[in-house]
Amino acid sequence: MSLKTYVNLIEIIIAAGLITLILLQTKSTSLGSVFGGDSAIHRTRRGVEKTLHQATIVLSAIFFLIAVMNVILAA
């Protein structure tokens, strides 16, 4: 297997992990927010929610770098 194949596999695995992390992040919003309603309460992320948020940022940066590497290898 070539390096490009490994990069593609890694990119697929990271994409699945990123999708999972995004879906795990829950927001307790009501139906009113769908139509533009806004909650006036501002709260900070704590605990697991903060860890999921930071992991999503890190994994998305890694995904971006792998995607750029994939484009460079394709050229």
N, C-alpha and C. Protein backbone atom coordinates (compact mmCIF):
# COMPACT_ATOMS: atom_id res chain seq x y z
N MET A 1 0.84 -1.18 0.00
CA MET A 1 0.00 0.00 0.00
C MET A 1 0.89 1.24 0.00
N SER A 2 0.46 2.22 -0.75
CA SER A 2 1.26 3.44 -0.89
C SER A 2 0.93 4.43 0.23
N LEU A 3 1.73 5.47 0.29
CA LEU A 3 1.53 6.51 1.30
C LEU A 3 0.19 7.21 1.11
N LYS A 4 -0.21 7.42 -0.15
CA LYS A 4 -1.49 8.07 -0.43
C LYS A 4 -2.66 7.26 0.12
N THR A 5 -2.56 5.94 0.05
CA THR A 5 -3.61 5.08 0.59
C THR A 5 -3.71 5.23 2.11
N TYR A 6 -2.56 5.27 2.77
CA TYR A 6 -2.55 5.47 4.22
C TYR A 6 -3.12 6.82 4.61
N VAL A 7 -2.77 7.85 3.86
CA VAL A 7 -3.29 9.19 4.14
C VAL A 7 -4.80 9.22 3.96
N ASN A 8 -5.30 8.57 2.92
CA ASN A 8 -6.75 8.51 2.71
C ASN A 8 -7.45 7.78 3.85
N LEU A 9 -6.89 6.68 4.30
CA LEU A 9 -7.49 5.94 5.43
C LEU A 9 -7.49 6.77 6.71
N ILE A 10 -6.38 7.44 6.97
CA ILE A 10 -6.31 8.29 8.15
C ILE A 10 -7.34 9.42 8.07
N GLU A 11 -7.50 9.98 6.89
CA GLU A 11 -8.47 11.07 6.71
C GLU A 11 -9.91 10.58 6.95
N ILE A 12 -10.22 9.39 6.49
CA ILE A 12 -11.56 8.83 6.72
C ILE A 12 -11.80 8.57 8.20
N ILE A 13 -10.80 8.04 8.89
CA ILE A 13 -10.94 7.77 10.32
C ILE A 13 -11.10 9.06 11.11
N ILE A 14 -10.31 10.08 10.76
CA ILE A 14 -10.43 11.37 11.44
C ILE A 14 -11.79 12.01 11.15
N ALA A 15 -12.28 11.88 9.92
CA ALA A 15 -13.59 12.45 9.58
C ALA A 15 -14.69 11.78 10.40
N ALA A 16 -14.63 10.46 10.55
CA ALA A 16 -15.63 9.77 11.37
C ALA A 16 -15.56 10.21 12.82
N GLY A 17 -14.34 10.38 13.34
CA GLY A 17 -14.18 10.87 14.71
C GLY A 17 -14.69 12.28 14.88
N LEU A 18 -14.45 13.11 13.89
CA LEU A 18 -14.92 14.50 13.95
C LEU A 18 -16.44 14.57 13.91
N ILE A 19 -17.05 13.75 13.08
CA ILE A 19 -18.52 13.69 13.03
C ILE A 19 -19.07 13.25 14.38
N THR A 20 -18.45 12.25 14.97
CA THR A 20 -18.89 11.75 16.27
C THR A 20 -18.77 12.83 17.35
N LEU A 21 -17.64 13.53 17.37
CA LEU A 21 -17.46 14.59 18.37
C LEU A 21 -18.48 15.71 18.20
N ILE A 22 -18.77 16.06 16.96
CA ILE A 22 -19.74 17.14 16.73
C ILE A 22 -21.14 16.71 17.18
N LEU A 23 -21.49 15.46 16.90
CA LEU A 23 -22.81 14.99 17.30
C LEU A 23 -22.94 14.80 18.82
N LEU A 24 -21.83 14.57 19.50
CA LEU A 24 -21.87 14.42 20.95
C LEU A 24 -22.08 15.74 21.68
N GLN A 25 -21.76 16.83 21.02
CA GLN A 25 -21.94 18.13 21.65
C GLN A 25 -23.42 18.49 21.63
N THR A 26 -24.00 18.62 22.77
CA THR A 26 -25.42 18.92 22.86
C THR A 26 -25.62 20.34 23.32
N LYS A 27 -26.61 20.94 22.79
CA LYS A 27 -27.02 22.26 23.23
C LYS A 27 -28.45 22.14 23.75
N SER A 28 -28.69 22.65 24.90
CA SER A 28 -30.04 22.60 25.44
C SER A 28 -30.80 23.84 24.98
N THR A 29 -31.18 23.83 23.71
CA THR A 29 -31.91 24.95 23.15
C THR A 29 -33.35 24.52 22.88
N SER A 30 -34.22 25.48 22.90
CA SER A 30 -35.62 25.18 22.65
C SER A 30 -35.93 25.33 21.17
N LEU A 31 -37.15 25.04 20.80
CA LEU A 31 -37.56 25.15 19.41
C LEU A 31 -37.55 26.59 18.93
N GLY A 32 -37.65 27.54 19.84
CA GLY A 32 -37.64 28.95 19.47
C GLY A 32 -36.34 29.39 18.83
N SER A 33 -35.24 28.72 19.16
CA SER A 33 -33.96 29.12 18.59
C SER A 33 -33.86 28.75 17.12
N VAL A 34 -34.69 27.81 16.67
CA VAL A 34 -34.68 27.44 15.25
C VAL A 34 -35.16 28.61 14.40
N PHE A 35 -36.08 29.39 14.91
CA PHE A 35 -36.65 30.50 14.16
C PHE A 35 -36.00 31.83 14.51
N GLY A 36 -34.81 31.80 15.08
CA GLY A 36 -34.08 33.02 15.35
C GLY A 36 -34.17 33.51 16.77
N GLY A 37 -34.87 32.82 17.62
CA GLY A 37 -34.93 33.20 19.02
C GLY A 37 -33.57 33.00 19.66
N ASP A 38 -33.26 33.80 20.66
CA ASP A 38 -31.94 33.72 21.26
C ASP A 38 -32.06 33.62 22.77
N SER A 39 -31.23 32.79 23.33
CA SER A 39 -31.18 32.68 24.78
C SER A 39 -30.32 33.81 25.32
N ALA A 40 -30.80 34.49 26.32
CA ALA A 40 -30.07 35.62 26.89
C ALA A 40 -29.04 35.16 27.92
N ILE A 41 -28.99 33.88 28.19
CA ILE A 41 -28.08 33.37 29.22
C ILE A 41 -26.77 32.97 28.55
N HIS A 42 -25.69 33.51 29.06
CA HIS A 42 -24.36 33.13 28.55
C HIS A 42 -23.70 32.28 29.62
N ARG A 43 -23.25 31.10 29.22
CA ARG A 43 -22.60 30.25 30.19
C ARG A 43 -21.30 29.72 29.60
N THR A 44 -20.40 29.34 30.47
CA THR A 44 -19.12 28.82 30.02
C THR A 44 -19.16 27.31 29.97
N ARG A 45 -18.30 26.75 29.15
CA ARG A 45 -18.21 25.30 29.05
C ARG A 45 -17.40 24.78 30.22
N ARG A 46 -17.84 23.66 30.78
CA ARG A 46 -17.13 23.05 31.90
C ARG A 46 -17.13 21.55 31.75
N GLY A 47 -16.12 20.93 32.28
CA GLY A 47 -16.07 19.47 32.35
C GLY A 47 -15.99 18.80 31.00
N VAL A 48 -16.87 17.84 30.80
CA VAL A 48 -16.87 17.04 29.58
C VAL A 48 -17.18 17.90 28.37
N GLU A 49 -18.07 18.86 28.53
CA GLU A 49 -18.43 19.73 27.41
C GLU A 49 -17.22 20.52 26.91
N LYS A 50 -16.39 21.00 27.83
CA LYS A 50 -15.19 21.74 27.46
C LYS A 50 -14.18 20.82 26.77
N THR A 51 -14.04 19.61 27.29
CA THR A 51 -13.12 18.64 26.69
C THR A 51 -13.56 18.27 25.28
N LEU A 52 -14.86 18.03 25.07
CA LEU A 52 -15.37 17.73 23.74
C LEU A 52 -15.13 18.89 22.77
N HIS A 53 -15.33 20.10 23.27
CA HIS A 53 -15.13 21.29 22.43
C HIS A 53 -13.67 21.41 22.00
N GLN A 54 -12.76 21.25 22.94
CA GLN A 54 -11.33 21.34 22.62
C GLN A 54 -10.88 20.21 21.71
N ALA A 55 -11.40 19.00 21.95
CA ALA A 55 -11.05 17.85 21.09
C ALA A 55 -11.55 18.06 19.67
N THR A 56 -12.71 18.68 19.53
CA THR A 56 -13.26 18.97 18.20
C THR A 56 -12.36 19.95 17.46
N ILE A 57 -11.87 20.96 18.15
CA ILE A 57 -10.98 21.94 17.53
C ILE A 57 -9.68 21.28 17.09
N VAL A 58 -9.11 20.47 17.96
CA VAL A 58 -7.84 19.80 17.64
C VAL A 58 -8.03 18.84 16.48
N LEU A 59 -9.10 18.04 16.52
CA LEU A 59 -9.32 17.06 15.46
C LEU A 59 -9.62 17.74 14.12
N SER A 60 -10.31 18.89 14.15
CA SER A 60 -10.57 19.59 12.89
C SER A 60 -9.29 20.18 12.32
N ALA A 61 -8.37 20.64 13.17
CA ALA A 61 -7.09 21.14 12.68
C ALA A 61 -6.27 20.01 12.07
N ILE A 62 -6.27 18.85 12.72
CA ILE A 62 -5.56 17.69 12.18
C ILE A 62 -6.18 17.26 10.85
N PHE A 63 -7.50 17.27 10.77
CA PHE A 63 -8.18 16.92 9.53
C PHE A 63 -7.77 17.87 8.40
N PHE A 64 -7.70 19.15 8.71
CA PHE A 64 -7.29 20.13 7.70
C PHE A 64 -5.87 19.87 7.22
N LEU A 65 -4.96 19.59 8.14
CA LEU A 65 -3.57 19.33 7.76
C LEU A 65 -3.45 18.05 6.92
N ILE A 66 -4.20 17.02 7.28
CA ILE A 66 -4.19 15.78 6.51
C ILE A 66 -4.77 16.03 5.11
N ALA A 67 -5.81 16.85 5.02
CA ALA A 67 -6.41 17.15 3.72
C ALA A 67 -5.41 17.91 2.83
N VAL A 68 -4.67 18.84 3.41
CA VAL A 68 -3.65 19.57 2.65
C VAL A 68 -2.56 18.61 2.20
N MET A 69 -2.15 17.70 3.08
CA MET A 69 -1.14 16.71 2.71
C MET A 69 -1.64 15.82 1.58
N ASN A 70 -2.92 15.48 1.61
CA ASN A 70 -3.52 14.67 0.56
C ASN A 70 -3.48 15.38 -0.78
N VAL A 71 -3.73 16.67 -0.78
CA VAL A 71 -3.68 17.45 -2.02
C VAL A 71 -2.25 17.53 -2.54
N ILE A 72 -1.30 17.71 -1.65
CA ILE A 72 0.10 17.78 -2.07
C ILE A 72 0.54 16.45 -2.66
N LEU A 73 0.13 15.34 -2.06
CA LEU A 73 0.50 14.03 -2.58
C LEU A 73 -0.16 13.73 -3.93
N ALA A 74 -1.32 14.32 -4.17
CA ALA A 74 -2.04 14.07 -5.43
C ALA A 74 -1.36 14.80 -6.59
N ALA A 75 -0.64 15.85 -6.28
CA ALA A 75 -0.01 16.64 -7.35
C ALA A 75 1.24 15.98 -7.89
